[in-house]
Amino acid sequence: MRRTDREVTDAQKMKAILDRCKIVSYAMWDGKKPYAVIMNFGYEFTPEGKLRLYSHSALEGKKVSIIRGICNKAAAIMECGERVVIDPEIPCKSGSAFQSIMPAAQ
């Protein structure tokens, strides 16, 4: 992470962010191009402190085929509290404010 001053490493703070998030975006590689899907999710922290995500899914389909075959890993991003910040004087200083969780790939 480039901005380590904004990194959240405390499990309780991460849990507070996760509790506000409603969706997760999973991204993966299908062998030719990126593929992403947005889903609802649940989560738990394992006794070892690792974040485990749960999403409802059919037992077949593109996402499942990619994970079972070509790429057995996926990136996940959850975000919440989105707010657009506009600087009417200097548009280049406009942006957005949000919180997000991006678990490290295992």
C-alpha atoms as a PDB file:
ATOM      1  CA  MET A   1       0.000   0.000   0.000  1.00  0.00           C
ATOM      2  CA  ARG A   2       1.432   3.329  -1.034  1.00  0.00           C
ATOM      3  CA  ARG A   3      -0.282   5.420   1.660  1.00  0.00           C
ATOM      4  CA  THR A   4       0.633   3.387   4.744  1.00  0.00           C
ATOM      5  CA  ASP A   5      -0.554   6.306   6.907  1.00  0.00           C
ATOM      6  CA  ARG A   6      -4.096   5.360   5.818  1.00  0.00           C
ATOM      7  CA  GLU A   7      -3.697   1.606   6.211  1.00  0.00           C
ATOM      8  CA  VAL A   8      -5.976  -0.069   8.762  1.00  0.00           C
ATOM      9  CA  THR A   9      -4.364  -3.073  10.457  1.00  0.00           C
ATOM     10  CA  ASP A  10      -6.407  -3.246  13.671  1.00  0.00           C
ATOM     11  CA  ALA A  11      -8.899  -6.157  13.458  1.00  0.00           C
ATOM     12  CA  GLN A  12     -11.647  -4.258  15.311  1.00  0.00           C
ATOM     13  CA  LYS A  13     -11.381  -1.298  12.921  1.00  0.00           C
ATOM     14  CA  MET A  14     -11.461  -3.671   9.937  1.00  0.00           C
ATOM     15  CA  LYS A  15     -14.546  -5.379  11.394  1.00  0.00           C
ATOM     16  CA  ALA A  16     -16.263  -1.993  11.788  1.00  0.00           C
ATOM     17  CA  ILE A  17     -15.611  -1.224   8.097  1.00  0.00           C
ATOM     18  CA  LEU A  18     -16.719  -4.704   6.987  1.00  0.00           C
ATOM     19  CA  ASP A  19     -19.955  -4.390   8.972  1.00  0.00           C
ATOM     20  CA  ARG A  20     -20.851  -1.278   6.930  1.00  0.00           C
ATOM     21  CA  CYS A  21     -19.965  -2.827   3.550  1.00  0.00           C
ATOM     22  CA  LYS A  22     -22.790  -4.481   1.626  1.00  0.00           C
ATOM     23  CA  ILE A  23     -21.082  -5.892  -1.469  1.00  0.00           C
ATOM     24  CA  VAL A  24     -17.769  -7.407  -2.529  1.00  0.00           C
ATOM     25  CA  SER A  25     -16.152  -7.187  -5.958  1.00  0.00           C
ATOM     26  CA  TYR A  26     -14.222 -10.308  -6.944  1.00  0.00           C
ATOM     27  CA  ALA A  27     -11.694  -9.972  -9.756  1.00  0.00           C
ATOM     28  CA  MET A  28      -9.878 -12.815 -11.491  1.00  0.00           C
ATOM     29  CA  TRP A  29      -8.144 -13.759 -14.732  1.00  0.00           C
ATOM     30  CA  ASP A  30      -9.931 -16.022 -17.230  1.00  0.00           C
ATOM     31  CA  GLY A  31      -6.757 -16.823 -19.171  1.00  0.00           C
ATOM     32  CA  LYS A  32      -7.375 -14.121 -21.786  1.00  0.00           C
ATOM     33  CA  LYS A  33      -8.766 -11.096 -19.957  1.00  0.00           C
ATOM     34  CA  PRO A  34      -9.813  -9.859 -16.525  1.00  0.00           C
ATOM     35  CA  TYR A  35     -13.196 -10.922 -15.189  1.00  0.00           C
ATOM     36  CA  ALA A  36     -14.993  -9.304 -12.255  1.00  0.00           C
ATOM     37  CA  VAL A  37     -18.274  -9.911 -10.482  1.00  0.00           C
ATOM     38  CA  ILE A  38     -20.054  -8.047  -7.677  1.00  0.00           C
ATOM     39  CA  MET A  39     -21.764 -10.087  -4.948  1.00  0.00           C
ATOM     40  CA  ASN A  40     -23.174  -9.923  -1.448  1.00  0.00           C
ATOM     41  CA  PHE A  41     -20.954 -11.414   1.223  1.00  0.00           C
ATOM     42  CA  GLY A  42     -20.552 -12.574   4.770  1.00  0.00           C
ATOM     43  CA  TYR A  43     -17.291 -12.921   6.644  1.00  0.00           C
ATOM     44  CA  GLU A  44     -15.491 -14.239   9.678  1.00  0.00           C
ATOM     45  CA  PHE A  45     -12.024 -13.935  11.131  1.00  0.00           C
ATOM     46  CA  THR A  46     -10.359 -17.311  11.634  1.00  0.00           C
ATOM     47  CA  PRO A  47      -8.730 -18.131  14.990  1.00  0.00           C
ATOM     48  CA  GLU A  48      -5.418 -17.270  13.268  1.00  0.00           C
ATOM     49  CA  GLY A  49      -6.780 -13.767  12.508  1.00  0.00           C
ATOM     50  CA  LYS A  50      -7.233 -14.235   8.751  1.00  0.00           C
ATOM     51  CA  LEU A  51     -10.289 -12.808   7.027  1.00  0.00           C
ATOM     52  CA  ARG A  52     -12.514 -15.454   5.397  1.00  0.00           C
ATOM     53  CA  LEU A  53     -15.212 -14.305   2.951  1.00  0.00           C
ATOM     54  CA  TYR A  54     -18.406 -16.152   2.060  1.00  0.00           C
ATOM     55  CA  SER A  55     -20.557 -15.455  -1.012  1.00  0.00           C
ATOM     56  CA  HIS A  56     -23.550 -17.389  -2.304  1.00  0.00           C
ATOM     57  CA  SER A  57     -22.897 -18.925  -5.704  1.00  0.00           C
ATOM     58  CA  ALA A  58     -24.236 -21.499  -8.094  1.00  0.00           C
ATOM     59  CA  LEU A  59     -22.076 -24.600  -8.482  1.00  0.00           C
ATOM     60  CA  GLU A  60     -21.426 -23.799 -12.138  1.00  0.00           C
ATOM     61  CA  GLY A  61     -20.908 -20.727 -14.291  1.00  0.00           C
ATOM     62  CA  LYS A  62     -18.078 -18.541 -15.529  1.00  0.00           C
ATOM     63  CA  LYS A  63     -16.817 -17.451 -12.098  1.00  0.00           C
ATOM     64  CA  VAL A  64     -16.741 -20.995 -10.742  1.00  0.00           C
ATOM     65  CA  SER A  65     -15.125 -22.324 -13.938  1.00  0.00           C
ATOM     66  CA  ILE A  66     -12.345 -19.747 -13.703  1.00  0.00           C
ATOM     67  CA  ILE A  67     -11.656 -20.425 -10.025  1.00  0.00           C
ATOM     68  CA  ARG A  68     -11.719 -24.213 -10.470  1.00  0.00           C
ATOM     69  CA  GLY A  69      -9.718 -24.271 -13.671  1.00  0.00           C
ATOM     70  CA  ILE A  70      -7.545 -21.437 -14.875  1.00  0.00           C
ATOM     71  CA  CYS A  71      -7.069 -19.349 -11.773  1.00  0.00           C
ATOM     72  CA  ASN A  72      -7.700 -20.693  -8.293  1.00  0.00           C
ATOM     73  CA  LYS A  73      -7.357 -17.241  -6.722  1.00  0.00           C
ATOM     74  CA  ALA A  74      -9.420 -14.075  -6.842  1.00  0.00           C
ATOM     75  CA  ALA A  75      -8.927 -10.554  -5.573  1.00  0.00           C
ATOM     76  CA  ALA A  76     -11.662  -9.140  -3.359  1.00  0.00           C
ATOM     77  CA  ILE A  77     -12.528  -5.536  -2.557  1.00  0.00           C
ATOM     78  CA  MET A  78     -15.269  -4.243  -0.259  1.00  0.00           C
ATOM     79  CA  GLU A  79     -15.930  -0.519   0.064  1.00  0.00           C
ATOM     80  CA  CYS A  80     -18.360   1.695   1.948  1.00  0.00           C
ATOM     81  CA  GLY A  81     -18.977   5.279   3.014  1.00  0.00           C
ATOM     82  CA  GLU A  82     -18.479   6.621  -0.486  1.00  0.00           C
ATOM     83  CA  ARG A  83     -18.623  10.391  -0.761  1.00  0.00           C
ATOM     84  CA  VAL A  84     -17.677  12.581  -3.711  1.00  0.00           C
ATOM     85  CA  VAL A  85     -15.533  15.559  -2.723  1.00  0.00           C
ATOM     86  CA  ILE A  86     -15.631  18.432  -5.230  1.00  0.00           C
ATOM     87  CA  ASP A  87     -13.378  21.468  -5.116  1.00  0.00           C
ATOM     88  CA  PRO A  88     -15.193  24.092  -7.234  1.00  0.00           C
ATOM     89  CA  GLU A  89     -12.077  26.283  -7.301  1.00  0.00           C
ATOM     90  CA  ILE A  90      -9.572  23.644  -8.436  1.00  0.00           C
ATOM     91  CA  PRO A  91     -11.242  20.631 -10.131  1.00  0.00           C
ATOM     92  CA  CYS A  92      -7.989  18.608 -10.021  1.00  0.00           C
ATOM     93  CA  LYS A  93      -8.290  18.550  -6.225  1.00  0.00           C
ATOM     94  CA  SER A  94     -11.689  16.846  -6.462  1.00  0.00           C
ATOM     95  CA  GLY A  95     -11.920  13.171  -5.607  1.00  0.00           C
ATOM     96  CA  SER A  96     -13.761  10.765  -3.356  1.00  0.00           C
ATOM     97  CA  ALA A  97     -13.659   9.645   0.233  1.00  0.00           C
ATOM     98  CA  PHE A  98     -14.367   6.035   1.175  1.00  0.00           C
ATOM     99  CA  GLN A  99     -13.239   3.133   3.302  1.00  0.00           C
ATOM    100  CA  SER A 100     -12.254  -0.184   1.786  1.00  0.00           C
ATOM    101  CA  ILE A 101     -10.928  -3.614   2.666  1.00  0.00           C
ATOM    102  CA  MET A 102      -8.626  -5.406   0.224  1.00  0.00           C
ATOM    103  CA  PRO A 103      -7.579  -8.725   1.754  1.00  0.00           C
ATOM    104  CA  ALA A 104      -4.141  -9.990   0.795  1.00  0.00           C
ATOM    105  CA  ALA A 105      -4.208 -12.955  -1.582  1.00  0.00           C
ATOM    106  CA  GLN A 106      -3.418 -16.252   0.083  1.00  0.00           C
END
